[in-house]
Protein backbone atom coordinates (compact mmCIF):
# COMPACT_ATOMS: atom_id res chain seq x y z
CA MET A 1 97.01 101.96 143.28
CA ARG A 2 99.98 102.07 140.89
CA GLU A 3 102.89 99.68 141.15
CA GLU A 4 106.42 101.01 140.68
CA ILE A 5 109.01 98.86 138.91
CA THR A 6 112.17 98.77 141.03
CA GLU A 7 114.17 96.13 139.15
CA THR A 8 113.88 94.27 135.84
CA LYS A 9 115.43 91.02 134.69
CA GLN A 10 115.09 90.40 130.95
CA ILE A 11 114.45 86.67 130.44
CA PHE A 12 113.78 86.34 126.71
CA ASP A 13 113.91 88.53 123.59
CA GLY A 14 111.89 86.95 120.82
CA ARG A 15 110.76 87.72 117.29
CA ILE A 16 107.29 88.81 118.46
CA VAL A 17 107.40 88.92 122.26
CA ASP A 18 109.84 89.66 125.05
CA LEU A 19 109.60 88.34 128.60
CA ALA A 20 110.83 90.15 131.69
CA VAL A 21 110.49 89.60 135.42
CA HIS A 22 109.89 92.86 137.27
CA GLN A 23 110.26 93.55 140.95
CA VAL A 24 107.58 96.07 141.88
CA ARG A 25 106.79 98.20 144.89
CA LEU A 26 103.13 97.86 145.79
CA PRO A 27 100.96 100.74 147.01
CA ASN A 28 101.42 99.48 150.58
CA GLY A 29 105.25 99.59 150.22
CA LYS A 30 105.76 95.82 150.00
CA GLN A 31 107.59 94.15 147.11
CA ALA A 32 106.17 91.68 144.61
CA GLU A 33 107.28 89.98 141.40
CA ARG A 34 105.53 90.37 138.05
CA GLU A 35 106.21 88.40 134.87
CA LEU A 36 105.38 90.52 131.83
CA ILE A 37 105.30 89.65 128.15
CA THR A 38 105.85 92.72 125.98
CA HIS A 39 104.00 92.57 122.66
CA PRO A 40 103.80 95.30 119.98
CA GLY A 41 100.01 95.03 119.68
CA ALA A 42 97.78 93.80 116.90
CA ALA A 43 94.89 94.67 114.63
CA ALA A 44 91.83 92.49 114.00
CA ILE A 45 89.33 92.98 111.23
CA VAL A 46 85.63 92.23 110.79
CA ALA A 47 85.53 92.27 106.99
CA LEU A 48 82.06 92.45 105.43
CA ASP A 49 81.17 91.90 101.81
CA ASP A 50 78.23 93.61 100.10
CA ALA A 51 75.85 90.84 101.25
CA GLN A 52 76.84 91.31 104.94
CA ASN A 53 78.89 88.12 104.97
CA VAL A 54 81.93 88.23 107.23
CA LEU A 55 85.26 86.81 106.06
CA LEU A 56 86.59 84.37 108.65
CA ILE A 57 89.64 82.19 108.70
CA ARG A 58 90.53 78.77 110.03
CA GLN A 59 94.05 78.40 111.31
CA PHE A 60 95.89 75.91 113.55
CA ARG A 61 96.98 77.48 116.84
CA LEU A 62 99.64 75.67 118.84
CA GLY A 63 98.55 77.21 122.16
CA ALA A 64 95.06 75.72 121.71
CA ASP A 65 96.38 72.63 119.90
CA GLN A 66 93.54 72.89 117.41
CA VAL A 67 92.24 74.67 114.35
CA LEU A 68 90.34 77.79 115.41
CA VAL A 69 87.83 80.00 113.62
CA GLU A 70 89.18 83.54 113.79
CA LEU A 71 88.94 87.04 112.42
CA PRO A 72 91.78 88.08 110.14
CA ALA A 73 94.36 89.71 112.41
CA GLY A 74 98.03 90.38 112.76
CA THR A 75 100.83 91.92 114.75
CA LEU A 76 101.79 95.57 114.41
CA GLU A 77 105.24 96.32 113.10
CA LEU A 78 107.30 98.71 115.23
CA GLY A 79 105.69 102.16 115.07
CA GLU A 80 103.06 101.03 112.55
CA ASP A 81 99.65 102.69 112.42
CA PRO A 82 97.04 100.06 113.42
CA ALA A 83 94.89 100.89 110.35
CA VAL A 84 97.85 100.18 108.05
CA CYS A 85 98.39 96.87 109.84
CA ALA A 86 94.70 96.00 109.55
CA ALA A 87 94.60 96.66 105.81
CA ARG A 88 97.80 94.67 105.22
CA GLU A 89 96.73 91.71 107.32
CA LEU A 90 93.30 91.56 105.70
CA GLN A 91 94.88 91.49 102.27
CA GLU A 92 97.54 88.92 103.25
CA GLU A 93 95.15 86.57 105.02
CA THR A 94 92.02 86.82 102.86
CA GLY A 95 93.12 88.33 99.55
CA TYR A 96 90.81 91.33 99.98
CA ARG A 97 91.73 95.01 100.21
CA PRO A 98 89.36 97.25 102.18
CA GLY A 99 87.86 100.31 100.52
CA GLN A 100 86.63 101.55 103.90
CA LEU A 101 88.23 100.82 107.25
CA GLU A 102 86.60 102.02 110.47
CA ARG A 103 88.19 101.63 113.90
CA LEU A 104 85.72 100.46 116.56
CA GLY A 105 88.03 100.44 119.57
CA GLY A 106 90.26 97.92 121.22
CA TRP A 107 91.18 96.01 124.36
CA PHE A 108 94.07 94.54 126.32
CA VAL A 109 94.27 90.79 125.76
CA ALA A 110 95.40 89.78 129.26
CA PRO A 111 96.90 92.76 131.12
CA GLY A 112 97.89 90.61 134.09
CA TYR A 113 100.83 89.29 132.09
CA THR A 114 101.06 90.94 128.65
CA THR A 115 101.06 94.42 127.14
CA GLU A 116 99.28 93.20 123.99
CA TYR A 117 96.50 95.54 122.85
CA ILE A 118 94.22 94.64 119.94
CA HIS A 119 92.73 97.35 117.71
CA LEU A 120 89.43 96.33 116.10
CA PHE A 121 88.35 97.50 112.64
CA VAL A 122 85.36 96.95 110.38
CA ALA A 123 86.33 96.70 106.70
CA THR A 124 83.85 97.22 103.87
CA ASP A 125 83.92 97.92 100.12
CA LEU A 126 86.19 94.91 99.66
CA THR A 127 88.17 94.40 96.46
CA HIS A 128 89.73 91.05 95.61
CA ASP A 129 93.44 91.86 95.39
CA PRO A 130 95.54 89.04 96.85
CA ILE A 131 99.12 89.54 97.99
CA GLU A 132 101.58 87.00 99.28
CA GLY A 133 101.01 86.06 102.90
CA ASP A 134 103.44 84.87 105.53
CA GLU A 135 105.13 81.65 104.51
CA ASP A 136 104.57 80.06 107.93
CA GLU A 137 100.78 80.63 107.95
CA PHE A 138 98.35 78.09 106.57
CA ILE A 139 94.93 79.70 106.43
CA GLU A 140 91.54 78.68 105.06
CA VAL A 141 89.20 81.60 104.30
CA PHE A 142 85.42 81.24 104.37
CA ARG A 143 82.34 83.47 104.55
CA LEU A 144 79.31 83.41 106.76
CA PRO A 145 76.43 85.80 107.23
CA LEU A 146 77.40 88.14 110.08
CA THR A 147 74.34 86.97 112.04
CA GLU A 148 75.51 83.34 111.81
CA ALA A 149 79.06 84.26 112.86
CA VAL A 150 77.66 86.09 115.90
CA ALA A 151 75.53 83.03 116.70
CA MET A 152 78.65 80.84 116.46
CA ALA A 153 80.42 83.13 118.93
CA ALA A 154 77.42 82.96 121.29
CA ARG A 155 77.41 79.15 121.07
CA GLY A 156 81.11 78.96 121.93
CA GLU A 157 82.11 77.75 118.48
CA ILE A 158 84.64 80.55 118.08
CA GLY A 159 87.32 79.78 120.63
CA ASN A 160 89.36 82.96 120.83
CA SER A 161 88.53 86.19 122.61
CA THR A 162 89.41 88.41 119.64
CA GLY A 163 86.89 86.65 117.42
CA VAL A 164 84.14 86.69 120.03
CA ALA A 165 84.65 90.31 121.11
CA GLY A 166 85.25 91.55 117.57
CA LEU A 167 82.10 89.98 116.14
CA LEU A 168 79.93 91.14 119.03
CA TRP A 169 81.30 94.70 118.91
CA ALA A 170 80.86 94.89 115.13
CA ALA A 171 77.34 93.46 115.27
CA ARG A 172 76.29 95.96 117.91
CA HIS A 173 77.92 98.82 115.98
CA LEU A 174 76.08 97.78 112.83
CA GLY A 175 72.76 97.20 114.59
CA VAL A 176 72.73 93.46 113.91
């Protein structure tokens, strides 16, 4: 069932993603074209305080053309350990450093056209220790009980797959 790349045309090399058009040989021997965005991957964090409140963020997303409720998350640097990325992004986006960081798993975002893979972590034992975030990010941090955040996801009030999947995975892992 594998496809074999027979030719590649690099279309775009960006700061975060690259785009290529690949000619592939299908299992039946025929040729097809695949557009593929290469992405270094990301880490997303369900950060819980001592009262089982989850730290969420609001951030404008151009692709959705709206402010979305999200989990803290960020792109891996080249060769970076996903746990290191998760700790850094949590601190940059929320001002909290995790004392404990547990990896729950991960998923491909949309493997039909991108290589992006998101690693999911639960962070606990949080310490307020803000560091400077990215200058092009404008983020509002807020807290909700984990049960309410899961209910928001179930009601469709969290409009990104990382937030929905991350909250549901964490809630199941924690028995909520």
